[in-house]
């Protein structure tokens, strides 16, 4: 039995689709049940040993840039990056189909049956304020908010791969990205893989949201002609100049000014709370902890990716936030350069 809490996606939602159905269920029980069993040490043979490292958001951003920049080193090349959006991805998983996929990955049968039983014939109700709806039984989807759901969705889509070396598919839970590395204007492989993705989703009960799916073209050729749009599910995909991917804003010119503006704005908004804590005479140690968790975490978001290519002006804007925090707390804090160095060394190790 679980309770659905509608969480607004926007400040002023106007329809049901603008709410996220957060599922309040026994997350700690699920975490203990799965993590405490020997089967949790199992790693499917199709997953690389570095799957934990590669599953971090910053690595997905790094991989997009790596594939794109490496390809653009050759003449007469450009890249088309398709950011795919699913409609209610977690809610459309078929438990029986998931069972088959887990079995193909050599997950122990007892674990497969345990997961299938958990997802089948579960009861849920919706709570809004003090009002609670009648309960209903469902046998489709994984609960949004459950600690297992992102992992189960990743395993569910594990078989969705590219058969062409010039097309890369990157996945992070329900965020899927198709990268077409185009040479000499030949887009046949890229368009074929996009069509295959549509077919695969149809066969696996996943619905692509063509209206929310966007494409970004990275093209530094001097004489580039307008490109024909790609079509998904009969609808042309919109082309954008920038896109927020896993919290990092990517631009088609591969610059970072928009991303740094976003980080600066978020850090400045959180400085208000640090000043409020100062008024309440919070101990300096506690204020440093607050700064590290709430402000420094924003300033260092994907810092190993964007810092080397950021301009001195942009770095100075971010550094001003650190200096402001130093004045409020009354002690020295790590500089932006030091933060980048420590995190780069940590990732290198």
Foldseek 3Di string as FASTA:
>chain_A
DWEWEWQACDPDDDDPLRTDGAIDDDQVVVCCVLVVDPLVVDDQPVADPCNVVCLDQLNVVVVLVVLQVVLVVDPQKKKKKKWWAWDQQQQQFQLVLLLVLCVVSVRDNVVSVVVQVVQAQDKYWYDDPNDIGDIDTDNGGDHHNHPCRLVSQCSSCVPLAAPDPQWGWDDHRRTIMIMGIDHPNDCPSVLVSLVVVLVVCVVRRIGIDQAPMAMEMQDDDPDDDDDDFHDHPRHGHHYDQWDQRPNAIAGSPRARPVRLVVLLVQLVVCVVVLLVVLVVVDQLVVSVVCCVVRRVCSLCPSCLPHVVRHDPVSLVSSQVSQVVSCVSSVHHDDGSVRSNVVVVVVVVD
